[in-house]
Amino acid sequence: MKTYNFQKLELTQKNNWLKRTINSAHFKKTVSYALIGAIAGYALFYFSEGMQAHILWNDEAMKSMFIGMGFGIFITNSPCARGKC
């Protein structure tokens, strides 16, 4: 008859999901691309409309930044960016 030697199972407490998410490389890449997109959106607004009207900030600038952030998030989280195309 065979005898089995069982080892003690060691369970370690990992960080909670929020800390794991924030420390992941994908999250950092998403945030950086969103910031780059927001900066690019503001630059496009300023050089197309804001410079002529001497406007630094208004609702249109905010909309342009949100659109740029959306593109940055889409670039990092699209199926093709994750190799599932």
PDB file of N, CA and C in Angstrom:
ATOM      1  N   MET A   1       0.833  -1.171   0.000  1.00  0.00           N
ATOM      2  CA  MET A   1       0.000   0.000   0.000  1.00  0.00           C
ATOM      3  C   MET A   1       0.886   1.246   0.000  1.00  0.00           C
ATOM      4  N   LYS A   2       0.488   2.228  -0.804  1.00  0.00           N
ATOM      5  CA  LYS A   2       1.245   3.481  -0.924  1.00  0.00           C
ATOM      6  C   LYS A   2       0.914   4.416   0.229  1.00  0.00           C
ATOM      7  N   THR A   3       1.923   5.093   0.690  1.00  0.00           N
ATOM      8  CA  THR A   3       1.681   6.110   1.713  1.00  0.00           C
ATOM      9  C   THR A   3       1.880   7.484   1.081  1.00  0.00           C
ATOM     10  N   TYR A   4       1.048   8.382   1.453  1.00  0.00           N
ATOM     11  CA  TYR A   4       1.105   9.745   0.929  1.00  0.00           C
ATOM     12  C   TYR A   4       1.606  10.675   2.010  1.00  0.00           C
ATOM     13  N   ASN A   5       2.541  11.529   1.621  1.00  0.00           N
ATOM     14  CA  ASN A   5       3.042  12.553   2.533  1.00  0.00           C
ATOM     15  C   ASN A   5       2.436  13.881   2.116  1.00  0.00           C
ATOM     16  N   PHE A   6       1.635  14.433   2.961  1.00  0.00           N
ATOM     17  CA  PHE A   6       0.998  15.717   2.677  1.00  0.00           C
ATOM     18  C   PHE A   6       1.769  16.825   3.349  1.00  0.00           C
ATOM     19  N   GLN A   7       1.960  17.899   2.601  1.00  0.00           N
ATOM     20  CA  GLN A   7       2.612  19.061   3.168  1.00  0.00           C
ATOM     21  C   GLN A   7       1.545  20.014   3.687  1.00  0.00           C
ATOM     22  N   LYS A   8       1.928  20.786   4.650  1.00  0.00           N
ATOM     23  CA  LYS A   8       1.002  21.754   5.229  1.00  0.00           C
ATOM     24  C   LYS A   8       0.753  22.869   4.207  1.00  0.00           C
ATOM     25  N   LEU A   9      -0.487  23.196   4.021  1.00  0.00           N
ATOM     26  CA  LEU A   9      -0.861  24.247   3.083  1.00  0.00           C
ATOM     27  C   LEU A   9      -0.659  25.595   3.745  1.00  0.00           C
ATOM     28  N   GLU A  10       0.125  26.431   3.089  1.00  0.00           N
ATOM     29  CA  GLU A  10       0.389  27.757   3.642  1.00  0.00           C
ATOM     30  C   GLU A  10      -0.370  28.791   2.827  1.00  0.00           C
ATOM     31  N   LEU A  11      -1.301  29.429   3.468  1.00  0.00           N
ATOM     32  CA  LEU A  11      -2.069  30.492   2.833  1.00  0.00           C
ATOM     33  C   LEU A  11      -1.547  31.823   3.334  1.00  0.00           C
ATOM     34  N   THR A  12      -1.217  32.692   2.400  1.00  0.00           N
ATOM     35  CA  THR A  12      -0.753  34.022   2.781  1.00  0.00           C
ATOM     36  C   THR A  12      -1.770  35.043   2.335  1.00  0.00           C
ATOM     37  N   GLN A  13      -1.911  36.043   3.126  1.00  0.00           N
ATOM     38  CA  GLN A  13      -2.859  37.109   2.818  1.00  0.00           C
ATOM     39  C   GLN A  13      -2.221  38.037   1.795  1.00  0.00           C
ATOM     40  N   LYS A  14      -2.837  38.143   0.640  1.00  0.00           N
ATOM     41  CA  LYS A  14      -2.357  39.092  -0.365  1.00  0.00           C
ATOM     42  C   LYS A  14      -2.985  40.443  -0.086  1.00  0.00           C
ATOM     43  N   ASN A  15      -2.450  41.461  -0.754  1.00  0.00           N
ATOM     44  CA  ASN A  15      -3.058  42.785  -0.637  1.00  0.00           C
ATOM     45  C   ASN A  15      -4.475  42.740  -1.170  1.00  0.00           C
ATOM     46  N   ASN A  16      -5.265  43.692  -0.774  1.00  0.00           N
ATOM     47  CA  ASN A  16      -6.631  43.709  -1.288  1.00  0.00           C
ATOM     48  C   ASN A  16      -6.622  44.060  -2.775  1.00  0.00           C
ATOM     49  N   TRP A  17      -7.742  43.914  -3.426  1.00  0.00           N
ATOM     50  CA  TRP A  17      -7.814  44.058  -4.882  1.00  0.00           C
ATOM     51  C   TRP A  17      -7.471  45.470  -5.322  1.00  0.00           C
ATOM     52  N   LEU A  18      -7.775  46.475  -4.508  1.00  0.00           N
ATOM     53  CA  LEU A  18      -7.479  47.851  -4.889  1.00  0.00           C
ATOM     54  C   LEU A  18      -5.971  48.089  -4.947  1.00  0.00           C
ATOM     55  N   LYS A  19      -5.251  47.607  -3.955  1.00  0.00           N
ATOM     56  CA  LYS A  19      -3.795  47.772  -3.958  1.00  0.00           C
ATOM     57  C   LYS A  19      -3.162  46.992  -5.100  1.00  0.00           C
ATOM     58  N   ARG A  20      -3.665  45.777  -5.365  1.00  0.00           N
ATOM     59  CA  ARG A  20      -3.122  44.988  -6.482  1.00  0.00           C
ATOM     60  C   ARG A  20      -3.381  45.689  -7.805  1.00  0.00           C
ATOM     61  N   THR A  21      -4.568  46.277  -7.952  1.00  0.00           N
ATOM     62  CA  THR A  21      -4.907  46.967  -9.196  1.00  0.00           C
ATOM     63  C   THR A  21      -4.039  48.197  -9.390  1.00  0.00           C
ATOM     64  N   ILE A  22      -3.883  48.994  -8.361  1.00  0.00           N
ATOM     65  CA  ILE A  22      -3.107  50.231  -8.466  1.00  0.00           C
ATOM     66  C   ILE A  22      -1.636  49.923  -8.735  1.00  0.00           C
ATOM     67  N   ASN A  23      -1.125  48.856  -8.184  1.00  0.00           N
ATOM     68  CA  ASN A  23       0.287  48.516  -8.376  1.00  0.00           C
ATOM     69  C   ASN A  23       0.561  47.727  -9.651  1.00  0.00           C
ATOM     70  N   SER A  24      -0.475  47.378 -10.407  1.00  0.00           N
ATOM     71  CA  SER A  24      -0.257  46.590 -11.621  1.00  0.00           C
ATOM     72  C   SER A  24       0.315  47.467 -12.742  1.00  0.00           C
ATOM     73  N   ALA A  25       1.067  46.843 -13.614  1.00  0.00           N
ATOM     74  CA  ALA A  25       1.683  47.564 -14.727  1.00  0.00           C
ATOM     75  C   ALA A  25       0.624  48.065 -15.711  1.00  0.00           C
ATOM     76  N   HIS A  26      -0.437  47.287 -15.900  1.00  0.00           N
ATOM     77  CA  HIS A  26      -1.482  47.689 -16.839  1.00  0.00           C
ATOM     78  C   HIS A  26      -2.201  48.952 -16.363  1.00  0.00           C
ATOM     79  N   PHE A  27      -2.468  49.062 -15.075  1.00  0.00           N
ATOM     80  CA  PHE A  27      -3.126  50.247 -14.536  1.00  0.00           C
ATOM     81  C   PHE A  27      -2.246  51.485 -14.721  1.00  0.00           C
ATOM     82  N   LYS A  28      -0.958  51.328 -14.445  1.00  0.00           N
ATOM     83  CA  LYS A  28      -0.033  52.455 -14.605  1.00  0.00           C
ATOM     84  C   LYS A  28       0.048  52.882 -16.065  1.00  0.00           C
ATOM     85  N   LYS A  29       0.032  51.917 -16.973  1.00  0.00           N
ATOM     86  CA  LYS A  29       0.061  52.229 -18.402  1.00  0.00           C
ATOM     87  C   LYS A  29      -1.230  52.944 -18.811  1.00  0.00           C
ATOM     88  N   THR A  30      -2.372  52.493 -18.301  1.00  0.00           N
ATOM     89  CA  THR A  30      -3.646  53.121 -18.627  1.00  0.00           C
ATOM     90  C   THR A  30      -3.684  54.562 -18.142  1.00  0.00           C
ATOM     91  N   VAL A  31      -3.242  54.797 -16.912  1.00  0.00           N
ATOM     92  CA  VAL A  31      -3.244  56.157 -16.363  1.00  0.00           C
ATOM     93  C   VAL A  31      -2.303  57.062 -17.158  1.00  0.00           C
ATOM     94  N   SER A  32      -1.134  56.558 -17.519  1.00  0.00           N
ATOM     95  CA  SER A  32      -0.196  57.395 -18.266  1.00  0.00           C
ATOM     96  C   SER A  32      -0.746  57.731 -19.660  1.00  0.00           C
ATOM     97  N   TYR A  33      -1.365  56.762 -20.330  1.00  0.00           N
ATOM     98  CA  TYR A  33      -1.940  57.043 -21.640  1.00  0.00           C
ATOM     99  C   TYR A  33      -3.129  57.997 -21.527  1.00  0.00           C
ATOM    100  N   ALA A  34      -3.905  57.895 -20.456  1.00  0.00           N
ATOM    101  CA  ALA A  34      -5.024  58.819 -20.258  1.00  0.00           C
ATOM    102  C   ALA A  34      -4.505  60.238 -20.045  1.00  0.00           C
ATOM    103  N   LEU A  35      -3.433  60.388 -19.282  1.00  0.00           N
ATOM    104  CA  LEU A  35      -2.850  61.718 -19.074  1.00  0.00           C
ATOM    105  C   LEU A  35      -2.264  62.284 -20.369  1.00  0.00           C
ATOM    106  N   ILE A  36      -1.590  61.450 -21.127  1.00  0.00           N
ATOM    107  CA  ILE A  36      -1.049  61.898 -22.410  1.00  0.00           C
ATOM    108  C   ILE A  36      -2.183  62.306 -23.344  1.00  0.00           C
ATOM    109  N   GLY A  37      -3.272  61.532 -23.348  1.00  0.00           N
ATOM    110  CA  GLY A  37      -4.431  61.879 -24.170  1.00  0.00           C
ATOM    111  C   GLY A  37      -5.080  63.180 -23.737  1.00  0.00           C
ATOM    112  N   ALA A  38      -5.160  63.411 -22.425  1.00  0.00           N
ATOM    113  CA  ALA A  38      -5.736  64.661 -21.929  1.00  0.00           C
ATOM    114  C   ALA A  38      -4.876  65.858 -22.320  1.00  0.00           C
ATOM    115  N   ILE A  39      -3.582  65.709 -22.217  1.00  0.00           N
ATOM    116  CA  ILE A  39      -2.677  66.793 -22.609  1.00  0.00           C
ATOM    117  C   ILE A  39      -2.777  67.054 -24.107  1.00  0.00           C
ATOM    118  N   ALA A  40      -2.832  65.992 -24.892  1.00  0.00           N
ATOM    119  CA  ALA A  40      -2.966  66.151 -26.346  1.00  0.00           C
ATOM    120  C   ALA A  40      -4.308  66.791 -26.696  1.00  0.00           C
ATOM    121  N   GLY A  41      -5.380  66.407 -25.988  1.00  0.00           N
ATOM    122  CA  GLY A  41      -6.692  67.008 -26.236  1.00  0.00           C
ATOM    123  C   GLY A  41      -6.696  68.492 -25.927  1.00  0.00           C
ATOM    124  N   TYR A  42      -6.058  68.871 -24.815  1.00  0.00           N
ATOM    125  CA  TYR A  42      -5.986  70.293 -24.483  1.00  0.00           C
ATOM    126  C   TYR A  42      -5.132  71.050 -25.491  1.00  0.00           C
ATOM    127  N   ALA A  43      -4.024  70.442 -25.908  1.00  0.00           N
ATOM    128  CA  ALA A  43      -3.163  71.107 -26.890  1.00  0.00           C
ATOM    129  C   ALA A  43      -3.903  71.319 -28.203  1.00  0.00           C
ATOM    130  N   LEU A  44      -4.658  70.326 -28.638  1.00  0.00           N
ATOM    131  CA  LEU A  44      -5.435  70.501 -29.872  1.00  0.00           C
ATOM    132  C   LEU A  44      -6.477  71.598 -29.719  1.00  0.00           C
ATOM    133  N   PHE A  45      -7.129  71.651 -28.560  1.00  0.00           N
ATOM    134  CA  PHE A  45      -8.094  72.733 -28.326  1.00  0.00           C
ATOM    135  C   PHE A  45      -7.406  74.091 -28.358  1.00  0.00           C
ATOM    136  N   TYR A  46      -6.298  74.199 -27.626  1.00  0.00           N
ATOM    137  CA  TYR A  46      -5.651  75.501 -27.499  1.00  0.00           C
ATOM    138  C   TYR A  46      -5.112  75.994 -28.832  1.00  0.00           C
ATOM    139  N   PHE A  47      -4.473  75.114 -29.599  1.00  0.00           N
ATOM    140  CA  PHE A  47      -3.892  75.565 -30.854  1.00  0.00           C
ATOM    141  C   PHE A  47      -4.914  75.726 -31.966  1.00  0.00           C
ATOM    142  N   SER A  48      -6.117  75.159 -31.804  1.00  0.00           N
ATOM    143  CA  SER A  48      -7.130  75.338 -32.838  1.00  0.00           C
ATOM    144  C   SER A  48      -8.092  76.482 -32.511  1.00  0.00           C
ATOM    145  N   GLU A  49      -8.542  76.590 -31.258  1.00  0.00           N
ATOM    146  CA  GLU A  49      -9.529  77.611 -30.925  1.00  0.00           C
ATOM    147  C   GLU A  49      -9.048  78.595 -29.865  1.00  0.00           C
ATOM    148  N   GLY A  50      -8.397  78.102 -28.847  1.00  0.00           N
ATOM    149  CA  GLY A  50      -8.066  78.917 -27.688  1.00  0.00           C
ATOM    150  C   GLY A  50      -7.064  80.016 -27.954  1.00  0.00           C
ATOM    151  N   MET A  51      -6.108  79.769 -28.821  1.00  0.00           N
ATOM    152  CA  MET A  51      -5.073  80.759 -29.077  1.00  0.00           C
ATOM    153  C   MET A  51      -5.651  81.972 -29.805  1.00  0.00           C
ATOM    154  N   GLN A  52      -6.600  81.748 -30.698  1.00  0.00           N
ATOM    155  CA  GLN A  52      -7.177  82.855 -31.454  1.00  0.00           C
ATOM    156  C   GLN A  52      -8.093  83.701 -30.579  1.00  0.00           C
ATOM    157  N   ALA A  53      -8.797  83.069 -29.640  1.00  0.00           N
ATOM    158  CA  ALA A  53      -9.721  83.802 -28.777  1.00  0.00           C
ATOM    159  C   ALA A  53      -9.100  84.144 -27.429  1.00  0.00           C
ATOM    160  N   HIS A  54      -7.824  83.822 -27.227  1.00  0.00           N
ATOM    161  CA  HIS A  54      -7.110  84.074 -25.975  1.00  0.00           C
ATOM    162  C   HIS A  54      -7.831  83.433 -24.787  1.00  0.00           C
ATOM    163  N   ILE A  55      -8.237  82.194 -24.977  1.00  0.00           N
ATOM    164  CA  ILE A  55      -8.942  81.452 -23.932  1.00  0.00           C
ATOM    165  C   ILE A  55      -8.014  80.341 -23.433  1.00  0.00           C
ATOM    166  N   LEU A  56      -7.829  80.274 -22.131  1.00  0.00           N
ATOM    167  CA  LEU A  56      -7.030  79.196 -21.566  1.00  0.00           C
ATOM    168  C   LEU A  56      -7.900  78.040 -21.089  1.00  0.00           C
ATOM    169  N   TRP A  57      -9.112  78.324 -20.613  1.00  0.00           N
ATOM    170  CA  TRP A  57      -9.955  77.260 -20.074  1.00  0.00           C
ATOM    171  C   TRP A  57     -11.429  77.613 -20.244  1.00  0.00           C
ATOM    172  N   ASN A  58     -12.183  76.674 -20.732  1.00  0.00           N
ATOM    173  CA  ASN A  58     -13.637  76.765 -20.774  1.00  0.00           C
ATOM    174  C   ASN A  58     -14.203  75.359 -20.923  1.00  0.00           C
ATOM    175  N   ASP A  59     -15.501  75.263 -21.156  1.00  0.00           N
ATOM    176  CA  ASP A  59     -16.128  73.940 -21.260  1.00  0.00           C
ATOM    177  C   ASP A  59     -15.614  73.152 -22.459  1.00  0.00           C
ATOM    178  N   GLU A  60     -15.314  73.835 -23.533  1.00  0.00           N
ATOM    179  CA  GLU A  60     -14.798  73.139 -24.720  1.00  0.00           C
ATOM    180  C   GLU A  60     -13.421  72.524 -24.443  1.00  0.00           C
ATOM    181  N   ALA A  61     -12.599  73.222 -23.667  1.00  0.00           N
ATOM    182  CA  ALA A  61     -11.281  72.673 -23.316  1.00  0.00           C
ATOM    183  C   ALA A  61     -11.447  71.417 -22.477  1.00  0.00           C
ATOM    184  N   MET A  62     -12.404  71.453 -21.548  1.00  0.00           N
ATOM    185  CA  MET A  62     -12.642  70.288 -20.703  1.00  0.00           C
ATOM    186  C   MET A  62     -13.162  69.117 -21.536  1.00  0.00           C
ATOM    187  N   LYS A  63     -14.053  69.395 -22.482  1.00  0.00           N
ATOM    188  CA  LYS A  63     -14.562  68.333 -23.355  1.00  0.00           C
ATOM    189  C   LYS A  63     -13.439  67.723 -24.187  1.00  0.00           C
ATOM    190  N   SER A  64     -12.544  68.564 -24.693  1.00  0.00           N
ATOM    191  CA  SER A  64     -11.415  68.060 -25.479  1.00  0.00           C
ATOM    192  C   SER A  64     -10.497  67.182 -24.640  1.00  0.00           C
ATOM    193  N   MET A  65     -10.294  67.571 -23.377  1.00  0.00           N
ATOM    194  CA  MET A  65      -9.456  66.762 -22.503  1.00  0.00           C
ATOM    195  C   MET A  65     -10.110  65.417 -22.202  1.00  0.00           C
ATOM    196  N   PHE A  66     -11.422  65.401 -21.976  1.00  0.00           N
ATOM    197  CA  PHE A  66     -12.111  64.139 -21.715  1.00  0.00           C
ATOM    198  C   PHE A  66     -12.092  63.220 -22.937  1.00  0.00           C
ATOM    199  N   ILE A  67     -12.219  63.798 -24.117  1.00  0.00           N
ATOM    200  CA  ILE A  67     -12.133  62.986 -25.337  1.00  0.00           C
ATOM    201  C   ILE A  67     -10.730  62.397 -25.477  1.00  0.00           C
ATOM    202  N   GLY A  68      -9.703  63.192 -25.204  1.00  0.00           N
ATOM    203  CA  GLY A  68      -8.328  62.696 -25.243  1.00  0.00           C
ATOM    204  C   GLY A  68      -8.091  61.606 -24.218  1.00  0.00           C
ATOM    205  N   MET A  69      -8.649  61.777 -23.005  1.00  0.00           N
ATOM    206  CA  MET A  69      -8.524  60.738 -21.983  1.00  0.00           C
ATOM    207  C   MET A  69      -9.219  59.456 -22.436  1.00  0.00           C
ATOM    208  N   GLY A  70     -10.373  59.607 -23.070  1.00  0.00           N
ATOM    209  CA  GLY A  70     -11.103  58.441 -23.569  1.00  0.00           C
ATOM    210  C   GLY A  70     -10.293  57.681 -24.601  1.00  0.00           C
ATOM    211  N   PHE A  71      -9.643  58.409 -25.503  1.00  0.00           N
ATOM    212  CA  PHE A  71      -8.785  57.747 -26.495  1.00  0.00           C
ATOM    213  C   PHE A  71      -7.617  57.032 -25.823  1.00  0.00           C
ATOM    214  N   GLY A  72      -7.020  57.659 -24.811  1.00  0.00           N
ATOM    215  CA  GLY A  72      -5.913  57.022 -24.106  1.00  0.00           C
ATOM    216  C   GLY A  72      -6.342  55.748 -23.402  1.00  0.00           C
ATOM    217  N   ILE A  73      -7.501  55.771 -22.777  1.00  0.00           N
ATOM    218  CA  ILE A  73      -8.014  54.579 -22.103  1.00  0.00           C
ATOM    219  C   ILE A  73      -8.367  53.507 -23.121  1.00  0.00           C
ATOM    220  N   PHE A  74      -8.957  53.911 -24.244  1.00  0.00           N
ATOM    221  CA  PHE A  74      -9.320  52.941 -25.271  1.00  0.00           C
ATOM    222  C   PHE A  74      -8.093  52.269 -25.869  1.00  0.00           C
ATOM    223  N   ILE A  75      -7.033  53.046 -26.068  1.00  0.00           N
ATOM    224  CA  ILE A  75      -5.815  52.493 -26.668  1.00  0.00           C
ATOM    225  C   ILE A  75      -5.236  51.384 -25.791  1.00  0.00           C
ATOM    226  N   THR A  76      -5.272  51.559 -24.476  1.00  0.00           N
ATOM    227  CA  THR A  76      -4.675  50.541 -23.602  1.00  0.00           C
ATOM    228  C   THR A  76      -5.629  49.404 -23.272  1.00  0.00           C
ATOM    229  N   ASN A  77      -6.924  49.607 -23.399  1.00  0.00           N
ATOM    230  CA  ASN A  77      -7.880  48.577 -22.984  1.00  0.00           C
ATOM    231  C   ASN A  77      -8.670  47.961 -24.128  1.00  0.00           C
ATOM    232  N   SER A  78      -8.368  48.314 -25.358  1.00  0.00           N
ATOM    233  CA  SER A  78      -9.075  47.719 -26.477  1.00  0.00           C
ATOM    234  C   SER A  78      -8.648  46.261 -26.623  1.00  0.00           C
ATOM    235  N   PRO A  79      -9.490  45.423 -27.232  1.00  0.00           N
ATOM    236  CA  PRO A  79      -9.121  44.024 -27.394  1.00  0.00           C
ATOM    237  C   PRO A  79      -7.837  43.838 -28.206  1.00  0.00           C
ATOM    238  N   CYS A  80      -7.626  44.668 -29.201  1.00  0.00           N
ATOM    239  CA  CYS A  80      -6.414  44.524 -30.013  1.00  0.00           C
ATOM    240  C   CYS A  80      -5.161  44.885 -29.221  1.00  0.00           C
ATOM    241  N   ALA A  81      -5.276  45.826 -28.312  1.00  0.00           N
ATOM    242  CA  ALA A  81      -4.119  46.198 -27.490  1.00  0.00           C
ATOM    243  C   ALA A  81      -3.759  45.093 -26.510  1.00  0.00           C
ATOM    244  N   ARG A  82      -4.721  44.265 -26.171  1.00  0.00           N
ATOM    245  CA  ARG A  82      -4.477  43.176 -25.222  1.00  0.00           C
ATOM    246  C   ARG A  82      -4.219  41.847 -25.925  1.00  0.00           C
ATOM    247  N   GLY A  83      -4.061  41.874 -27.259  1.00  0.00           N
ATOM    248  CA  GLY A  83      -3.717  40.679 -28.010  1.00  0.00           C
ATOM    249  C   GLY A  83      -4.879  39.725 -28.237  1.00  0.00           C
ATOM    250  N   LYS A  84      -6.102  40.220 -28.258  1.00  0.00           N
ATOM    251  CA  LYS A  84      -7.281  39.363 -28.436  1.00  0.00           C
ATOM    252  C   LYS A  84      -8.044  39.756 -29.685  1.00  0.00           C
ATOM    253  N   CYS A  85      -7.356  40.247 -30.673  1.00  0.00           N
ATOM    254  CA  CYS A  85      -7.992  40.699 -31.907  1.00  0.00           C
ATOM    255  C   CYS A  85      -8.377  39.529 -32.792  1.00  0.00           C
TER     256      CYS A  85
END
